[in-house]
Amino acid sequence: MACLLRIQYQMNQLSSLIQEIESMQVTARAEAIKSKLLIWKSETDAVLDQEFLSYTPEVDDFRRRWNRPMVGNSLKNGIIKKLRNARTDLRLILQSEQPVVKTKPKPSLPEYAITDYAKALYDVE
């Protein structure tokens, strides 16, 4: 099982990155932002490579979406969309690694617990 805390840490960093990009006014800082994003992406890729040795669709989705060109009216909107997609993908990875809790099926009522009124409703012929 993967170390979920490391993935959660990478996901928690996204909020500050998104806020920093939303507050960005001019594209003069675009190169600095792009380098921060590439550092975050390489760290996240390293975590995913260490934790998921075999193929998982969720990790593949993260990589595929990140490698797509940025879509949007501006660089800022494209980066924000990419980061939000990354947050969604990491959330799905975390969910896929959570242990599955199986619910027990509800037991059927024994015959003596069914009232005469219920029997009359269902025994109509």
Protein backbone atom coordinates (compact mmCIF):
# COMPACT_ATOMS: atom_id res chain seq x y z
CA MET A 1 0.00 0.00 0.00
CA ALA A 2 1.24 3.45 -0.87
CA CYS A 3 2.30 6.00 1.70
CA LEU A 4 -0.80 8.15 1.60
CA LEU A 5 0.74 10.90 3.74
CA ARG A 6 3.33 11.70 1.08
CA ILE A 7 0.65 11.99 -1.59
CA GLN A 8 -1.52 14.08 0.76
CA TYR A 9 1.43 16.41 1.38
CA GLN A 10 1.87 16.96 -2.38
CA MET A 11 -1.85 17.62 -2.68
CA ASN A 12 -1.79 20.12 0.22
CA GLN A 13 0.86 22.16 -1.58
CA LEU A 14 -1.56 22.81 -4.43
CA SER A 15 -3.69 25.31 -2.49
CA SER A 16 -0.79 27.70 -1.96
CA LEU A 17 0.33 27.33 -5.59
CA ILE A 18 -3.18 28.09 -6.85
CA GLN A 19 -3.46 31.14 -4.58
CA GLU A 20 -0.09 32.43 -5.73
CA ILE A 21 -1.08 32.11 -9.38
CA GLU A 22 -4.50 33.71 -8.82
CA SER A 23 -2.81 36.72 -7.21
CA MET A 24 -0.32 37.02 -10.08
CA GLN A 25 -0.93 40.28 -11.96
CA VAL A 26 1.62 40.37 -14.74
CA THR A 27 3.27 37.63 -16.71
CA ALA A 28 6.71 38.91 -15.72
CA ARG A 29 6.73 36.35 -12.93
CA ALA A 30 5.50 33.62 -15.26
CA GLU A 31 8.91 31.97 -15.57
CA ALA A 32 9.35 31.82 -11.79
CA ILE A 33 5.86 30.31 -11.44
CA LYS A 34 6.53 27.81 -14.22
CA SER A 35 9.73 26.66 -12.51
CA LYS A 36 7.86 26.23 -9.19
CA LEU A 37 5.24 24.16 -10.97
CA LEU A 38 7.84 21.99 -12.66
CA ILE A 39 9.55 21.39 -9.31
CA TRP A 40 6.21 20.43 -7.74
CA LYS A 41 5.42 18.15 -10.70
CA SER A 42 8.81 16.41 -10.54
CA GLU A 43 8.48 15.88 -6.76
CA THR A 44 4.97 14.51 -7.20
CA ASP A 45 6.11 12.21 -10.03
CA ALA A 46 8.92 10.91 -7.80
CA VAL A 47 6.46 10.17 -4.99
CA LEU A 48 4.09 8.39 -7.36
CA ASP A 49 6.94 6.39 -8.93
CA GLN A 50 8.12 5.23 -5.50
CA GLU A 51 4.67 4.43 -4.14
CA PHE A 52 3.05 2.87 -7.21
CA LEU A 53 5.43 0.43 -8.84
CA SER A 54 2.72 -1.13 -10.96
CA TYR A 55 0.33 0.53 -13.37
CA THR A 56 -2.72 2.23 -11.89
CA PRO A 57 -5.25 4.16 -14.00
CA GLU A 58 -5.41 7.05 -11.51
CA VAL A 59 -1.67 7.72 -11.72
CA ASP A 60 -1.81 7.46 -15.50
CA ASP A 61 -4.66 10.02 -15.58
CA PHE A 62 -2.55 12.44 -13.53
CA ARG A 63 0.39 12.16 -15.90
CA ARG A 64 -1.73 12.33 -19.05
CA ARG A 65 -3.58 15.44 -17.94
CA TRP A 66 -0.42 17.16 -16.80
CA ASN A 67 1.29 16.56 -20.17
CA ARG A 68 -1.57 18.10 -22.16
CA PRO A 69 -1.02 21.64 -23.40
CA MET A 70 -2.58 24.36 -21.29
CA VAL A 71 -6.03 25.33 -22.49
CA GLY A 72 -7.56 28.68 -21.69
CA ASN A 73 -7.54 32.34 -22.55
CA SER A 74 -4.39 33.03 -20.63
CA LEU A 75 -1.40 31.33 -19.14
CA LYS A 76 -2.81 32.02 -15.69
CA ASN A 77 -6.14 30.28 -16.39
CA GLY A 78 -4.39 27.35 -18.04
CA ILE A 79 -2.11 26.82 -15.05
CA ILE A 80 -5.00 27.06 -12.57
CA LYS A 81 -7.00 24.52 -14.56
CA LYS A 82 -4.02 22.16 -14.70
CA LEU A 83 -3.48 22.43 -10.93
CA ARG A 84 -7.16 21.82 -10.17
CA ASN A 85 -7.10 18.76 -12.40
CA ALA A 86 -3.97 17.57 -10.58
CA ARG A 87 -5.72 18.02 -7.23
CA THR A 88 -8.67 15.97 -8.48
CA ASP A 89 -6.38 13.22 -9.77
CA LEU A 90 -4.42 13.04 -6.51
CA ARG A 91 -7.68 12.91 -4.57
CA LEU A 92 -8.79 9.96 -6.73
CA ILE A 93 -5.45 8.24 -6.12
CA LEU A 94 -5.94 8.64 -2.37
CA GLN A 95 -9.48 7.29 -2.59
CA SER A 96 -8.37 4.28 -4.60
CA GLU A 97 -5.82 3.42 -1.89
CA GLN A 98 -8.26 3.66 1.01
CA PRO A 99 -9.32 0.31 2.40
CA VAL A 100 -12.71 -0.74 1.17
CA VAL A 101 -15.28 -1.16 3.92
CA LYS A 102 -17.71 -3.89 3.07
CA THR A 103 -21.17 -3.47 4.48
CA LYS A 104 -23.02 -6.48 5.70
CA PRO A 105 -26.27 -7.18 3.91
CA LYS A 106 -29.36 -6.50 5.96
CA PRO A 107 -30.82 -9.70 7.29
CA SER A 108 -34.28 -10.50 6.06
CA LEU A 109 -37.01 -10.42 8.65
CA PRO A 110 -38.08 -13.74 10.06
CA GLU A 111 -41.63 -14.81 9.25
CA TYR A 112 -42.92 -14.09 12.75
CA ALA A 113 -41.79 -10.45 12.53
CA ILE A 114 -44.01 -9.66 9.54
CA THR A 115 -47.32 -8.23 10.64
CA ASP A 116 -50.69 -9.48 9.48
CA TYR A 117 -51.23 -6.16 7.72
CA ALA A 118 -48.04 -6.59 5.67
CA LYS A 119 -49.00 -10.19 4.84
CA ALA A 120 -52.38 -8.98 3.62
CA LEU A 121 -50.74 -6.39 1.37
CA TYR A 122 -48.37 -8.84 -0.29
CA ASP A 123 -50.60 -11.93 -0.41
CA VAL A 124 -53.26 -10.31 -2.58
CA GLU A 125 -54.24 -12.70 -5.31
